[in-house]
Amino acid sequence: MVPANGLILSVILFLSCSSIGFLILILRRVFLKGELGGTSTARYGSAFAFVTLWFIYVIFAGLGTYGVIDLDTLIKGKGPQAVAETFANLFEETKKRIADGPANMV
């Protein structure tokens, strides 16, 4: 079996971001009578919203893949203790890397 780290988080993020994207398109159709065009404020606002949704997805899916956000553990019932340990380990590792300096970073 192939491990799927962060898959649950990635699916939830994708569904959330795509739902918000569809909602933006529906609202543009209702109020602006089309998905494209409109005033420059509406165009740039929609573009900013879509780019922001993309950044949110990429950042949080990456954090889930690398185990910084461990939603899989929470859903499977191992509780917040494992999440607290993950953050404590991450903090200690970061502190160690800072103390070692940039020469030892890989």
N, C-alpha and C. Protein backbone atom coordinates (compact mmCIF):
# COMPACT_ATOMS: atom_id res chain seq x y z
N MET A 1 0.84 -1.18 0.00
CA MET A 1 0.00 0.00 0.00
C MET A 1 0.89 1.25 0.00
N VAL A 2 0.55 2.21 -0.80
CA VAL A 2 1.31 3.45 -0.92
C VAL A 2 0.83 4.44 0.14
N PRO A 3 1.74 5.02 0.94
CA PRO A 3 1.29 6.01 1.93
C PRO A 3 0.78 7.27 1.24
N ALA A 4 -0.31 7.79 1.75
CA ALA A 4 -0.93 8.98 1.16
C ALA A 4 -0.94 10.11 2.18
N ASN A 5 0.24 10.61 2.49
CA ASN A 5 0.33 11.69 3.48
C ASN A 5 -0.37 12.94 2.97
N GLY A 6 -1.27 13.47 3.77
CA GLY A 6 -1.94 14.71 3.44
C GLY A 6 -3.04 14.60 2.41
N LEU A 7 -3.43 13.38 2.05
CA LEU A 7 -4.45 13.22 1.01
C LEU A 7 -5.81 13.75 1.46
N ILE A 8 -6.18 13.48 2.71
CA ILE A 8 -7.47 13.95 3.22
C ILE A 8 -7.51 15.47 3.21
N LEU A 9 -6.45 16.09 3.69
CA LEU A 9 -6.38 17.55 3.71
C LEU A 9 -6.43 18.11 2.29
N SER A 10 -5.71 17.48 1.38
CA SER A 10 -5.67 17.95 0.00
C SER A 10 -7.05 17.89 -0.65
N VAL A 11 -7.78 16.81 -0.40
CA VAL A 11 -9.12 16.68 -0.98
C VAL A 11 -10.06 17.71 -0.39
N ILE A 12 -10.00 17.91 0.92
CA ILE A 12 -10.86 18.92 1.57
C ILE A 12 -10.52 20.31 1.05
N LEU A 13 -9.24 20.61 0.92
CA LEU A 13 -8.83 21.91 0.39
C LEU A 13 -9.30 22.10 -1.05
N PHE A 14 -9.13 21.08 -1.86
CA PHE A 14 -9.54 21.19 -3.26
C PHE A 14 -11.04 21.43 -3.37
N LEU A 15 -11.83 20.66 -2.63
CA LEU A 15 -13.28 20.84 -2.69
C LEU A 15 -13.70 22.22 -2.19
N SER A 16 -13.06 22.69 -1.14
CA SER A 16 -13.38 24.02 -0.60
C SER A 16 -13.02 25.13 -1.58
N CYS A 17 -11.79 25.08 -2.08
CA CYS A 17 -11.34 26.12 -3.01
C CYS A 17 -12.13 26.10 -4.31
N SER A 18 -12.43 24.90 -4.82
CA SER A 18 -13.20 24.85 -6.06
C SER A 18 -14.63 25.31 -5.85
N SER A 19 -15.21 25.02 -4.69
CA SER A 19 -16.57 25.50 -4.39
C SER A 19 -16.61 27.02 -4.33
N ILE A 20 -15.61 27.61 -3.70
CA ILE A 20 -15.53 29.08 -3.63
C ILE A 20 -15.34 29.65 -5.03
N GLY A 21 -14.51 28.98 -5.85
CA GLY A 21 -14.30 29.43 -7.22
C GLY A 21 -15.59 29.40 -8.03
N PHE A 22 -16.34 28.30 -7.92
CA PHE A 22 -17.62 28.22 -8.61
C PHE A 22 -18.59 29.28 -8.11
N LEU A 23 -18.58 29.53 -6.81
CA LEU A 23 -19.45 30.57 -6.24
C LEU A 23 -19.10 31.94 -6.82
N ILE A 24 -17.82 32.23 -6.96
CA ILE A 24 -17.40 33.50 -7.57
C ILE A 24 -17.91 33.59 -9.01
N LEU A 25 -17.77 32.51 -9.77
CA LEU A 25 -18.25 32.53 -11.15
C LEU A 25 -19.77 32.69 -11.22
N ILE A 26 -20.49 32.04 -10.33
CA ILE A 26 -21.95 32.17 -10.31
C ILE A 26 -22.36 33.59 -9.96
N LEU A 27 -21.70 34.17 -8.95
CA LEU A 27 -22.01 35.55 -8.57
C LEU A 27 -21.68 36.53 -9.70
N ARG A 28 -20.59 36.28 -10.41
CA ARG A 28 -20.25 37.15 -11.55
C ARG A 28 -21.32 37.04 -12.63
N ARG A 29 -21.84 35.83 -12.86
CA ARG A 29 -22.87 35.66 -13.89
C ARG A 29 -24.16 36.37 -13.47
N VAL A 30 -24.51 36.27 -12.20
CA VAL A 30 -25.76 36.89 -11.73
C VAL A 30 -25.66 38.41 -11.76
N PHE A 31 -24.56 38.95 -11.24
CA PHE A 31 -24.47 40.40 -11.09
C PHE A 31 -23.84 41.11 -12.28
N LEU A 32 -22.93 40.46 -12.99
CA LEU A 32 -22.25 41.10 -14.11
C LEU A 32 -22.70 40.56 -15.46
N LYS A 33 -23.60 39.61 -15.45
CA LYS A 33 -24.16 39.01 -16.66
C LYS A 33 -23.12 38.28 -17.51
N GLY A 34 -22.10 37.74 -16.86
CA GLY A 34 -21.09 36.97 -17.58
C GLY A 34 -19.92 36.65 -16.67
N GLU A 35 -19.18 35.60 -17.01
CA GLU A 35 -18.02 35.21 -16.20
C GLU A 35 -16.80 36.06 -16.51
N LEU A 36 -16.70 36.55 -17.73
CA LEU A 36 -15.53 37.33 -18.14
C LEU A 36 -15.94 38.79 -18.33
N GLY A 37 -14.98 39.66 -18.30
CA GLY A 37 -15.25 41.07 -18.58
C GLY A 37 -15.74 41.81 -17.34
N GLY A 38 -16.45 42.90 -17.59
CA GLY A 38 -16.91 43.74 -16.51
C GLY A 38 -15.96 44.89 -16.26
N THR A 39 -16.17 45.56 -15.17
CA THR A 39 -15.29 46.68 -14.84
C THR A 39 -13.91 46.16 -14.45
N SER A 40 -12.94 47.04 -14.47
CA SER A 40 -11.58 46.60 -14.12
C SER A 40 -11.51 46.17 -12.66
N THR A 41 -12.31 46.80 -11.80
CA THR A 41 -12.33 46.41 -10.39
C THR A 41 -12.83 44.98 -10.24
N ALA A 42 -13.89 44.65 -10.97
CA ALA A 42 -14.43 43.29 -10.89
C ALA A 42 -13.45 42.27 -11.48
N ARG A 43 -12.81 42.62 -12.58
CA ARG A 43 -11.85 41.70 -13.20
C ARG A 43 -10.66 41.44 -12.29
N TYR A 44 -10.06 42.52 -11.78
CA TYR A 44 -8.90 42.36 -10.91
C TYR A 44 -9.27 41.72 -9.58
N GLY A 45 -10.45 42.03 -9.07
CA GLY A 45 -10.90 41.42 -7.82
C GLY A 45 -11.08 39.91 -7.96
N SER A 46 -11.68 39.49 -9.08
CA SER A 46 -11.86 38.06 -9.33
C SER A 46 -10.51 37.37 -9.54
N ALA A 47 -9.64 38.01 -10.29
CA ALA A 47 -8.31 37.43 -10.52
C ALA A 47 -7.56 37.29 -9.20
N PHE A 48 -7.63 38.31 -8.36
CA PHE A 48 -6.97 38.25 -7.05
C PHE A 48 -7.55 37.12 -6.21
N ALA A 49 -8.87 36.96 -6.23
CA ALA A 49 -9.52 35.89 -5.45
C ALA A 49 -9.06 34.52 -5.93
N PHE A 50 -9.00 34.32 -7.25
CA PHE A 50 -8.60 33.02 -7.78
C PHE A 50 -7.13 32.73 -7.49
N VAL A 51 -6.27 33.72 -7.61
CA VAL A 51 -4.84 33.52 -7.31
C VAL A 51 -4.66 33.24 -5.82
N THR A 52 -5.42 33.93 -4.98
CA THR A 52 -5.35 33.70 -3.54
C THR A 52 -5.80 32.28 -3.20
N LEU A 53 -6.88 31.81 -3.82
CA LEU A 53 -7.34 30.43 -3.60
C LEU A 53 -6.27 29.43 -4.02
N TRP A 54 -5.59 29.72 -5.13
CA TRP A 54 -4.54 28.82 -5.60
C TRP A 54 -3.39 28.77 -4.59
N PHE A 55 -2.96 29.94 -4.11
CA PHE A 55 -1.88 29.98 -3.11
C PHE A 55 -2.28 29.23 -1.84
N ILE A 56 -3.51 29.43 -1.39
CA ILE A 56 -3.98 28.74 -0.18
C ILE A 56 -3.90 27.23 -0.40
N TYR A 57 -4.36 26.77 -1.55
CA TYR A 57 -4.33 25.34 -1.82
C TYR A 57 -2.90 24.80 -1.86
N VAL A 58 -2.04 25.47 -2.60
CA VAL A 58 -0.67 24.97 -2.75
C VAL A 58 0.07 24.96 -1.41
N ILE A 59 -0.05 26.04 -0.64
CA ILE A 59 0.67 26.13 0.63
C ILE A 59 0.17 25.09 1.62
N PHE A 60 -1.14 25.03 1.83
CA PHE A 60 -1.66 24.10 2.83
C PHE A 60 -1.57 22.64 2.39
N ALA A 61 -1.70 22.35 1.11
CA ALA A 61 -1.51 20.98 0.64
C ALA A 61 -0.06 20.55 0.82
N GLY A 62 0.87 21.47 0.56
CA GLY A 62 2.28 21.17 0.80
C GLY A 62 2.58 20.92 2.26
N LEU A 63 2.02 21.74 3.14
CA LEU A 63 2.21 21.54 4.57
C LEU A 63 1.62 20.21 5.02
N GLY A 64 0.50 19.82 4.42
CA GLY A 64 -0.10 18.53 4.75
C GLY A 64 0.73 17.37 4.25
N THR A 65 1.33 17.51 3.07
CA THR A 65 2.15 16.45 2.51
C THR A 65 3.40 16.22 3.34
N TYR A 66 3.99 17.30 3.85
CA TYR A 66 5.21 17.18 4.65
C TYR A 66 4.94 16.95 6.13
N GLY A 67 3.66 16.81 6.50
CA GLY A 67 3.32 16.45 7.87
C GLY A 67 3.29 17.59 8.86
N VAL A 68 3.40 18.82 8.41
CA VAL A 68 3.31 19.95 9.34
C VAL A 68 1.87 20.09 9.83
N ILE A 69 0.92 19.94 8.91
CA ILE A 69 -0.49 19.88 9.27
C ILE A 69 -0.89 18.43 9.11
N ASP A 70 -1.24 17.78 10.22
CA ASP A 70 -1.52 16.35 10.18
C ASP A 70 -3.00 16.09 10.42
N LEU A 71 -3.81 16.41 9.42
CA LEU A 71 -5.25 16.22 9.52
C LEU A 71 -5.62 14.74 9.51
N ASP A 72 -4.81 13.92 8.85
CA ASP A 72 -5.08 12.49 8.80
C ASP A 72 -5.10 11.88 10.20
N THR A 73 -4.16 12.28 11.04
CA THR A 73 -4.09 11.76 12.40
C THR A 73 -5.30 12.19 13.21
N LEU A 74 -5.72 13.43 13.04
CA LEU A 74 -6.88 13.90 13.78
C LEU A 74 -8.15 13.16 13.37
N ILE A 75 -8.32 12.92 12.09
CA ILE A 75 -9.52 12.25 11.61
C ILE A 75 -9.52 10.77 12.01
N LYS A 76 -8.36 10.16 12.02
CA LYS A 76 -8.29 8.74 12.38
C LYS A 76 -8.38 8.53 13.89
N GLY A 77 -8.45 9.61 14.67
CA GLY A 77 -8.74 9.50 16.09
C GLY A 77 -7.55 9.43 17.01
N LYS A 78 -6.37 9.77 16.55
CA LYS A 78 -5.21 9.72 17.44
C LYS A 78 -5.11 10.96 18.31
N GLY A 79 -5.94 11.94 18.05
CA GLY A 79 -6.07 13.08 18.94
C GLY A 79 -5.05 14.17 18.77
N PRO A 80 -5.26 15.25 19.52
CA PRO A 80 -4.39 16.41 19.40
C PRO A 80 -3.00 16.22 20.00
N GLN A 81 -2.78 15.14 20.76
CA GLN A 81 -1.45 14.92 21.33
C GLN A 81 -0.42 14.72 20.22
N ALA A 82 -0.80 13.97 19.19
CA ALA A 82 0.13 13.73 18.08
C ALA A 82 0.42 15.03 17.34
N VAL A 83 -0.58 15.89 17.22
CA VAL A 83 -0.37 17.18 16.55
C VAL A 83 0.56 18.05 17.37
N ALA A 84 0.37 18.06 18.70
CA ALA A 84 1.24 18.84 19.58
C ALA A 84 2.68 18.34 19.51
N GLU A 85 2.84 17.01 19.45
CA GLU A 85 4.19 16.44 19.33
C GLU A 85 4.83 16.82 18.00
N THR A 86 4.02 16.84 16.93
CA THR A 86 4.53 17.21 15.61
C THR A 86 5.06 18.63 15.63
N PHE A 87 4.28 19.56 16.21
CA PHE A 87 4.72 20.95 16.27
C PHE A 87 5.93 21.11 17.19
N ALA A 88 5.98 20.36 18.29
CA ALA A 88 7.13 20.43 19.19
C ALA A 88 8.39 19.94 18.47
N ASN A 89 8.27 18.84 17.73
CA ASN A 89 9.41 18.33 16.98
C ASN A 89 9.85 19.31 15.90
N LEU A 90 8.88 19.91 15.22
CA LEU A 90 9.19 20.89 14.19
C LEU A 90 9.92 22.09 14.79
N PHE A 91 9.45 22.54 15.95
CA PHE A 91 10.09 23.67 16.63
C PHE A 91 11.52 23.33 17.03
N GLU A 92 11.71 22.15 17.59
CA GLU A 92 13.06 21.75 18.01
C GLU A 92 14.00 21.61 16.81
N GLU A 93 13.49 21.04 15.73
CA GLU A 93 14.32 20.89 14.52
C GLU A 93 14.70 22.25 13.94
N THR A 94 13.75 23.17 13.92
CA THR A 94 14.03 24.51 13.41
C THR A 94 15.05 25.22 14.30
N LYS A 95 14.89 25.08 15.61
CA LYS A 95 15.84 25.70 16.54
C LYS A 95 17.24 25.13 16.35
N LYS A 96 17.33 23.82 16.12
CA LYS A 96 18.62 23.18 15.91
C LYS A 96 19.27 23.69 14.62
N ARG A 97 18.46 23.81 13.55
CA ARG A 97 19.01 24.28 12.27
C ARG A 97 19.49 25.72 12.36
N ILE A 98 18.79 26.53 13.12
CA ILE A 98 19.21 27.92 13.30
C ILE A 98 20.51 27.97 14.07
N ALA A 99 20.63 27.13 15.09
CA ALA A 99 21.85 27.11 15.90
C ALA A 99 23.05 26.60 15.09
N ASP A 100 22.80 25.63 14.19
CA ASP A 100 23.89 25.08 13.38
C ASP A 100 24.37 26.05 12.31
N GLY A 101 23.51 26.95 11.91
CA GLY A 101 23.89 27.92 10.89
C GLY A 101 23.57 27.44 9.49
N PRO A 102 23.73 28.33 8.52
CA PRO A 102 23.35 27.98 7.14
C PRO A 102 24.28 26.99 6.46
N ALA A 103 25.46 26.76 6.98
CA ALA A 103 26.41 25.86 6.33
C ALA A 103 25.93 24.41 6.36
N ASN A 104 25.17 24.02 7.39
CA ASN A 104 24.74 22.64 7.54
C ASN A 104 23.34 22.37 7.01
N MET A 105 22.69 23.37 6.46
CA MET A 105 21.33 23.18 5.93
C MET A 105 21.40 22.48 4.58
N VAL A 106 20.49 21.55 4.38
CA VAL A 106 20.46 20.80 3.13
C VAL A 106 19.20 21.15 2.38
